[in-house]
Protein backbone atom coordinates (compact mmCIF):
# COMPACT_ATOMS: atom_id res chain seq x y z
CA MET A 1 -5.25 85.15 -19.02
CA LEU A 2 -3.54 88.24 -17.63
CA PRO A 3 -0.45 88.25 -19.91
CA TYR A 4 -2.80 88.31 -22.91
CA LEU A 5 -4.57 91.39 -21.55
CA ASN A 6 -1.60 93.56 -20.64
CA GLU A 7 1.46 92.16 -22.49
CA VAL A 8 0.54 90.15 -25.59
CA TYR A 9 -2.40 92.41 -26.37
CA GLY A 10 -1.98 92.53 -30.15
CA ASN A 11 -4.52 91.56 -32.79
CA PRO A 12 -3.66 88.04 -34.00
CA SER A 13 -4.39 89.18 -37.56
CA SER A 14 -1.93 92.10 -37.43
CA PRO A 15 1.51 91.73 -39.11
CA HIS A 16 3.50 93.69 -36.52
CA GLY A 17 5.52 92.04 -33.76
CA ILE A 18 2.95 92.12 -30.98
CA GLY A 19 0.32 90.85 -33.43
CA ARG A 20 2.55 87.96 -34.51
CA ARG A 21 3.14 87.02 -30.87
CA ALA A 22 -0.63 86.98 -30.37
CA LYS A 23 -1.06 84.79 -33.47
CA VAL A 24 1.52 82.31 -32.22
CA ALA A 25 -0.21 82.15 -28.81
CA LEU A 26 -3.59 81.66 -30.49
CA GLU A 27 -2.39 78.69 -32.53
CA GLU A 28 -0.47 77.21 -29.61
CA HIS A 29 -3.67 77.15 -27.57
CA ARG A 30 -5.63 75.74 -30.49
CA GLU A 31 -3.09 72.89 -30.60
CA LYS A 32 -3.45 72.35 -26.84
CA MET A 33 -7.23 72.17 -27.23
CA ALA A 34 -6.91 69.74 -30.13
CA LYS A 35 -4.63 67.45 -28.11
CA LEU A 36 -7.09 67.51 -25.22
CA TRP A 37 -10.07 66.88 -27.53
CA GLY A 38 -8.37 64.19 -29.62
CA CYS A 39 -8.85 66.05 -32.88
CA LYS A 40 -6.89 68.19 -35.35
CA PRO A 41 -6.21 71.88 -34.65
CA GLY A 42 -7.92 72.80 -37.91
CA GLU A 43 -11.13 71.21 -36.64
CA ILE A 44 -11.56 73.79 -33.86
CA ILE A 45 -13.32 77.12 -34.45
CA PHE A 46 -13.22 79.56 -31.54
CA THR A 47 -16.43 81.53 -30.87
CA SER A 48 -17.73 84.03 -28.33
CA SER A 49 -20.03 81.53 -26.60
CA GLY A 50 -21.82 78.21 -26.76
CA THR A 51 -24.81 80.06 -28.21
CA GLU A 52 -22.73 81.37 -31.10
CA ALA A 53 -21.24 77.90 -31.63
CA ASN A 54 -24.76 76.46 -31.85
CA SER A 55 -25.89 79.13 -34.30
CA LEU A 56 -22.82 78.64 -36.49
CA ALA A 57 -23.30 74.86 -36.48
CA ILE A 58 -27.03 74.96 -37.32
CA ILE A 59 -27.29 77.91 -39.68
CA GLY A 60 -23.85 77.40 -41.20
CA GLY A 61 -24.37 73.66 -41.55
CA ALA A 62 -27.80 74.10 -43.14
CA LEU A 63 -26.47 76.71 -45.57
CA ALA A 64 -23.63 74.43 -46.65
CA ALA A 65 -26.04 71.53 -47.28
CA LYS A 66 -29.04 73.42 -48.70
CA GLY A 67 -28.42 71.97 -52.15
CA LYS A 68 -29.43 68.55 -50.77
CA GLY A 69 -32.61 69.72 -49.06
CA LYS A 70 -34.14 72.07 -46.52
CA HIS A 71 -35.37 69.80 -43.74
CA VAL A 72 -33.87 69.81 -40.24
CA VAL A 73 -34.65 67.71 -37.16
CA THR A 74 -34.25 68.51 -33.48
CA THR A 75 -36.00 67.80 -30.17
CA ALA A 76 -38.50 69.83 -28.20
CA ILE A 77 -36.18 70.30 -25.21
CA GLU A 78 -33.17 71.89 -26.90
CA HIS A 79 -31.51 75.10 -25.72
CA SER A 80 -33.18 78.25 -27.04
CA SER A 81 -30.12 79.02 -29.22
CA VAL A 82 -30.78 75.78 -31.12
CA LEU A 83 -34.53 76.23 -31.47
CA LYS A 84 -34.27 79.89 -32.44
CA SER A 85 -31.58 79.18 -35.05
CA ILE A 86 -33.87 76.61 -36.65
CA ARG A 87 -36.76 79.06 -36.50
CA TRP A 88 -34.57 81.64 -38.27
CA LEU A 89 -33.86 79.15 -41.05
CA GLU A 90 -37.59 78.61 -41.46
CA GLU A 91 -38.56 82.27 -41.42
CA HIS A 92 -35.78 83.61 -43.64
CA LEU A 93 -34.55 80.79 -45.88
CA GLY A 94 -37.56 78.54 -46.40
CA PHE A 95 -36.37 75.57 -44.36
CA TYR A 96 -38.82 73.41 -42.43
CA SER A 97 -38.31 71.31 -39.35
CA THR A 98 -39.52 68.27 -37.44
CA ILE A 99 -39.47 68.70 -33.67
CA VAL A 100 -39.21 65.27 -32.04
CA SER A 101 -40.92 64.78 -28.69
CA THR A 102 -39.16 63.17 -25.75
CA ASP A 103 -40.52 60.94 -23.00
CA ALA A 104 -41.48 62.32 -19.59
CA CYS A 105 -37.86 62.12 -18.41
CA GLY A 106 -36.48 64.00 -21.41
CA PHE A 107 -35.04 61.11 -23.41
CA ALA A 108 -35.09 61.35 -27.22
CA SER A 109 -35.60 57.94 -28.79
CA PRO A 110 -33.17 57.00 -31.60
CA GLU A 111 -36.14 55.29 -33.27
CA ASP A 112 -38.15 58.51 -33.17
CA ILE A 113 -35.20 60.43 -34.62
CA ALA A 114 -34.91 57.85 -37.40
CA HIS A 115 -38.64 58.10 -38.14
CA ALA A 116 -38.33 61.89 -38.48
CA LEU A 117 -35.61 61.68 -41.16
CA ARG A 118 -36.60 62.35 -44.78
CA LYS A 119 -34.91 62.30 -48.14
CA ASP A 120 -34.30 66.04 -47.92
CA THR A 121 -33.10 66.08 -44.28
CA VAL A 122 -29.75 67.89 -44.14
CA LEU A 123 -29.17 68.44 -40.42
CA VAL A 124 -30.05 66.89 -37.05
CA SER A 125 -29.29 68.65 -33.75
CA VAL A 126 -29.65 66.86 -30.40
CA GLY A 127 -28.09 68.18 -27.20
CA ALA A 128 -25.81 65.79 -25.34
CA ALA A 129 -27.29 66.73 -21.94
CA ASN A 130 -30.24 68.96 -21.19
CA ASN A 131 -29.51 72.24 -19.44
CA GLU A 132 -32.70 72.34 -17.35
CA VAL A 133 -33.42 68.77 -16.21
CA GLY A 134 -29.98 67.23 -16.85
CA THR A 135 -31.09 64.29 -19.03
CA ILE A 136 -28.11 62.62 -20.75
CA GLN A 137 -29.13 61.53 -24.24
CA PRO A 138 -28.23 58.18 -25.88
CA LEU A 139 -25.95 60.14 -28.19
CA THR A 140 -24.00 57.23 -29.69
CA GLU A 141 -27.17 55.49 -30.85
CA ILE A 142 -28.64 58.72 -32.24
CA ALA A 143 -25.40 59.52 -34.05
CA HIS A 144 -25.36 56.06 -35.61
CA VAL A 145 -28.90 56.51 -36.96
CA VAL A 146 -28.20 59.95 -38.38
CA ARG A 147 -24.76 59.46 -39.88
CA ASP A 148 -25.71 56.15 -41.49
CA ARG A 149 -28.02 58.26 -43.65
CA GLY A 150 -25.24 60.69 -44.55
CA ILE A 151 -26.93 63.53 -42.65
CA LEU A 152 -25.01 66.23 -40.80
CA PHE A 153 -25.22 65.70 -37.02
CA HIS A 154 -24.71 68.44 -34.43
CA THR A 155 -24.69 68.12 -30.67
CA ASP A 156 -24.55 70.83 -28.04
CA ALA A 157 -22.11 69.42 -25.46
CA THR A 158 -22.02 72.59 -23.39
CA GLN A 159 -23.56 70.89 -20.35
CA LEU A 160 -21.77 67.56 -20.79
CA LEU A 161 -18.07 68.45 -20.74
CA GLY A 162 -16.63 68.54 -17.25
CA LYS A 163 -19.55 66.56 -15.84
CA VAL A 164 -19.35 63.22 -17.68
CA PRO A 165 -16.16 61.46 -18.85
CA VAL A 166 -15.56 62.20 -22.54
CA ILE A 167 -12.38 60.63 -23.90
CA THR A 168 -12.36 62.53 -27.19
CA ILE A 169 -14.76 64.90 -28.89
CA PRO A 170 -14.94 62.78 -32.08
CA SER A 171 -16.03 59.83 -29.91
CA LEU A 172 -19.37 61.60 -29.36
CA GLY A 173 -20.17 60.67 -32.96
CA ALA A 174 -21.18 64.14 -34.14
CA ASP A 175 -19.90 66.15 -37.09
CA LEU A 176 -20.31 69.38 -35.15
CA VAL A 177 -19.91 69.78 -31.35
CA SER A 178 -20.48 73.00 -29.38
CA CYS A 179 -18.99 73.96 -26.03
CA CYS A 180 -18.32 77.00 -23.88
CA ALA A 181 -15.86 77.98 -21.16
CA HIS A 182 -17.94 79.10 -18.22
CA LYS A 183 -19.55 75.70 -17.60
CA LEU A 184 -16.06 74.50 -16.62
CA PHE A 185 -15.09 77.57 -14.56
CA GLY A 186 -13.58 79.41 -17.51
CA PRO A 187 -14.46 82.98 -18.49
CA LYS A 188 -17.87 84.02 -19.73
CA GLY A 189 -17.85 84.96 -23.41
CA ALA A 190 -15.70 82.14 -24.80
CA GLY A 191 -16.77 79.05 -26.75
CA ALA A 192 -15.70 76.67 -29.46
CA LEU A 193 -17.11 74.48 -32.21
CA TYR A 194 -15.60 71.19 -33.30
CA VAL A 195 -16.01 70.82 -37.06
CA LYS A 196 -15.22 67.46 -38.61
CA SER A 197 -14.62 69.17 -41.96
CA THR A 198 -14.65 72.88 -42.80
CA ARG A 199 -16.58 71.96 -45.95
CA LEU A 200 -19.58 71.24 -43.72
CA LEU A 201 -20.08 74.91 -42.83
CA GLU A 202 -20.81 78.27 -44.38
CA PRO A 203 -19.91 81.37 -42.30
CA VAL A 204 -22.75 83.26 -40.67
CA ILE A 205 -20.65 86.30 -39.67
CA SER A 206 -19.06 88.14 -42.59
CA GLY A 207 -16.03 90.39 -42.45
CA GLY A 208 -12.52 88.98 -42.03
CA ALA A 209 -10.80 85.68 -42.75
CA GLN A 210 -10.34 84.61 -39.14
CA GLU A 211 -10.99 81.03 -37.95
CA LYS A 212 -10.55 79.34 -41.33
CA GLU A 213 -12.86 81.99 -42.84
CA LEU A 214 -15.75 80.46 -40.89
CA ARG A 215 -16.05 83.02 -38.10
CA ALA A 216 -15.09 86.59 -38.95
CA GLY A 217 -14.01 88.94 -36.19
CA THR A 218 -10.91 89.52 -34.08
CA GLU A 219 -10.33 86.60 -31.76
CA ASN A 220 -10.56 87.33 -28.01
CA LEU A 221 -7.19 85.80 -27.21
CA ALA A 222 -7.39 86.17 -23.42
CA ALA A 223 -10.80 84.50 -23.31
CA ILE A 224 -9.59 81.70 -25.60
CA VAL A 225 -6.64 81.09 -23.29
CA GLY A 226 -9.10 80.94 -20.38
CA LEU A 227 -11.24 78.45 -22.29
CA VAL A 228 -8.31 76.16 -23.07
CA VAL A 229 -6.91 76.27 -19.54
CA ALA A 230 -10.37 75.55 -18.10
CA MET A 231 -10.62 72.52 -20.40
CA GLU A 232 -7.13 71.35 -19.38
CA LYS A 233 -7.93 71.64 -15.69
CA ASN A 234 -11.51 70.43 -15.61
CA MET A 235 -12.31 68.06 -18.50
CA HIS A 236 -10.05 65.08 -17.71
CA PRO A 237 -11.16 63.96 -15.18
CA PRO A 238 -14.48 65.82 -15.00
CA CYS A 239 -14.32 68.51 -12.33
CA PHE A 240 -17.92 67.68 -11.38
CA ASP A 241 -17.13 64.33 -9.77
CA GLN A 242 -20.26 62.20 -10.22
CA TYR A 243 -19.24 59.82 -7.43
CA TYR A 244 -19.01 62.73 -5.00
CA LEU A 245 -22.12 64.55 -6.22
CA THR A 246 -24.49 61.60 -6.66
CA PRO A 247 -25.18 60.98 -2.94
CA LEU A 248 -25.53 64.73 -2.37
CA SER A 249 -27.91 64.98 -5.32
CA ASN A 250 -30.01 62.08 -4.05
CA ARG A 251 -30.09 63.50 -0.51
CA PHE A 252 -31.16 66.91 -1.81
CA LYS A 253 -33.84 65.45 -4.09
CA ASP A 254 -35.33 63.43 -1.21
CA ALA A 255 -35.28 66.44 1.14
CA ILE A 256 -36.88 68.85 -1.33
CA LYS A 257 -39.61 66.37 -2.27
CA CYS A 258 -40.71 66.29 1.38
CA THR A 259 -42.29 69.70 0.85
CA PRO A 260 -45.94 69.16 -0.21
CA GLY A 261 -46.76 70.08 -3.79
CA VAL A 262 -43.19 69.75 -5.07
CA ARG A 263 -42.56 67.64 -8.17
CA PHE A 264 -39.17 66.53 -9.42
CA TRP A 265 -38.46 66.52 -13.17
CA GLY A 266 -35.95 64.39 -15.01
CA PRO A 267 -34.56 60.85 -14.84
CA ASP A 268 -32.73 58.98 -12.13
CA VAL A 269 -29.28 60.35 -11.37
CA SER A 270 -27.64 57.45 -13.24
CA HIS A 271 -29.00 58.94 -16.48
CA ARG A 272 -28.83 62.58 -15.41
CA LEU A 273 -26.12 65.12 -14.74
CA ALA A 274 -25.44 64.61 -11.05
CA ASN A 275 -25.31 68.35 -10.38
CA THR A 276 -28.65 69.31 -11.97
CA LEU A 277 -32.05 69.07 -10.26
CA ALA A 278 -35.29 70.71 -11.40
CA PHE A 279 -38.53 70.99 -9.43
CA SER A 280 -41.92 72.60 -9.90
CA VAL A 281 -43.64 74.01 -6.83
CA GLU A 282 -47.42 74.10 -6.68
CA GLY A 283 -48.97 77.38 -5.62
CA THR A 284 -45.92 79.51 -6.52
CA ASN A 285 -44.16 80.97 -9.54
CA SER A 286 -40.52 80.87 -10.59
CA GLN A 287 -39.74 84.57 -10.31
CA THR A 288 -41.10 84.90 -6.77
CA LEU A 289 -39.30 81.74 -5.65
CA LEU A 290 -36.01 82.95 -7.16
CA ALA A 291 -36.30 86.31 -5.43
CA ALA A 292 -37.17 84.78 -2.05
CA LEU A 293 -34.39 82.18 -2.24
CA ASP A 294 -31.94 84.88 -3.29
CA LEU A 295 -32.82 86.88 -0.18
CA ALA A 296 -32.09 83.71 1.82
CA GLY A 297 -28.62 83.56 0.27
CA ILE A 298 -29.37 80.76 -2.21
CA CYS A 299 -28.67 81.25 -5.91
CA VAL A 300 -30.93 79.20 -8.22
CA SER A 301 -32.28 79.47 -11.75
CA ALA A 302 -35.63 79.21 -13.47
CA GLY A 303 -34.75 77.00 -16.40
CA SER A 304 -32.04 78.33 -18.68
CA ALA A 305 -30.10 81.45 -17.72
CA CYS A 306 -30.53 82.54 -21.35
CA THR A 307 -34.31 82.74 -20.89
CA THR A 308 -34.52 83.83 -17.24
CA GLY A 309 -36.48 87.07 -17.07
CA ALA A 310 -38.58 86.18 -20.09
CA LEU A 311 -41.54 85.40 -17.77
CA LYS A 312 -42.52 82.40 -19.88
CA PRO A 313 -43.15 78.83 -18.73
CA SER A 314 -40.18 76.50 -19.22
CA HIS A 315 -40.49 75.04 -22.73
CA VAL A 316 -38.52 72.03 -21.50
CA LEU A 317 -41.04 71.18 -18.76
CA LEU A 318 -43.94 71.76 -21.14
CA ALA A 319 -42.33 69.28 -23.54
CA LEU A 320 -42.03 66.76 -20.68
CA GLY A 321 -45.77 66.98 -20.06
CA ALA A 322 -45.97 69.65 -17.37
CA THR A 323 -48.99 71.89 -17.10
CA PRO A 324 -48.42 75.62 -17.77
CA GLU A 325 -48.70 76.20 -14.00
CA GLU A 326 -46.03 73.58 -13.27
CA ALA A 327 -43.75 74.93 -15.98
CA SER A 328 -44.18 78.46 -14.59
CA SER A 329 -43.15 77.39 -11.09
CA MET A 330 -39.92 75.58 -12.00
CA VAL A 331 -36.67 76.13 -10.11
CA ARG A 332 -33.36 74.54 -11.05
CA PHE A 333 -30.67 73.82 -8.48
CA SER A 334 -27.06 73.30 -9.60
CA LEU A 335 -24.58 71.60 -7.29
CA GLY A 336 -20.87 72.35 -7.63
CA PRO A 337 -17.65 70.43 -7.01
CA THR A 338 -17.31 72.08 -3.59
CA THR A 339 -20.94 71.69 -2.49
CA THR A 340 -21.11 70.19 1.00
CA LEU A 341 -23.70 68.13 2.86
CA GLU A 342 -24.12 71.06 5.26
CA GLU A 343 -25.05 73.32 2.34
CA ILE A 344 -27.50 70.70 1.09
CA GLU A 345 -29.21 70.52 4.48
CA PHE A 346 -29.25 74.31 4.87
CA THR A 347 -30.76 74.82 1.42
CA ALA A 348 -33.41 72.14 1.88
CA THR A 349 -34.50 73.70 5.18
CA LYS A 350 -34.57 77.22 3.72
CA PHE A 351 -36.43 76.00 0.67
CA ALA A 352 -39.29 74.61 2.77
CA GLN A 353 -39.49 77.90 4.68
CA VAL A 354 -39.42 79.97 1.48
CA VAL A 355 -42.16 77.90 -0.18
CA LYS A 356 -44.40 78.35 2.86
CA GLN A 357 -43.69 82.09 2.87
CA VAL A 358 -44.40 82.47 -0.86
CA ARG A 359 -47.63 80.47 -0.68
CA ASN A 360 -48.84 82.65 2.18
């Protein structure tokens, strides 16, 4: 990224020499991304984040299709950027939605999705893998149900890429696919949206003609370079090696569950991201647990990082059937490619001590 911060620092939209060099670099990296994703360069829209990609897909997709209807479908466990974008459509543009429930492990049934579809349904959004409990959705089956009806299908693949083998982005079966850089060790503040056809979207940010006139604003070239390089290094094969992480995940799950009053949420690791584990802890609350674990040198989350600090129960756990108390005491552990068995054992021991301390 450094050469694009201190050498090729021009605006890609500027006609002068340094701007033209930036434009060439921008399109070269778009082509690299397209080759990696198995799509066309014109099908990639660079954004500032996965959240922005989700908003563009949902609001922009609904705007482009509003002549066909104003009904959208999603699930109760989606990322807040998906749910809030749909809520915005309802509050400001008169859309209405059907929120499909999942089972206790977080799976959305293709049959339930099909049942929710109506004649005026224009968009369905289902995340490929849940960011709090790690559930991997039956995306191919859901895509088949939705696209057979000629309905626009969006999936948030932010959590999936780099953790599960994905040969090509089009193979996911969605018309719109969101991603971001920092889930694959790229820079924060960089994302992208795969768009099967630019006719499927209306812009939600007005101003310039950047990104096929679908996302106005000067492109952050250095961050885009970081995104593409992170994808090149960490998508094929996935940097989160499931064969390495699965036994560590299972060992950690078993050790944490030994603490009385701890409940694990989500499916078996064969249907879950191997690096993601969520627990609720009776007699505690998320914020106190996070603070105590942080003092012990352990970094964890309470649900989504985008909602941490909101002091609200996890909407994902509530959707899975948790009580408000359970949802308010959720902690999420994320393993990494370099996590060791020693770190697993250390964290499990510290966790038991911290829970006892917090309860007292």
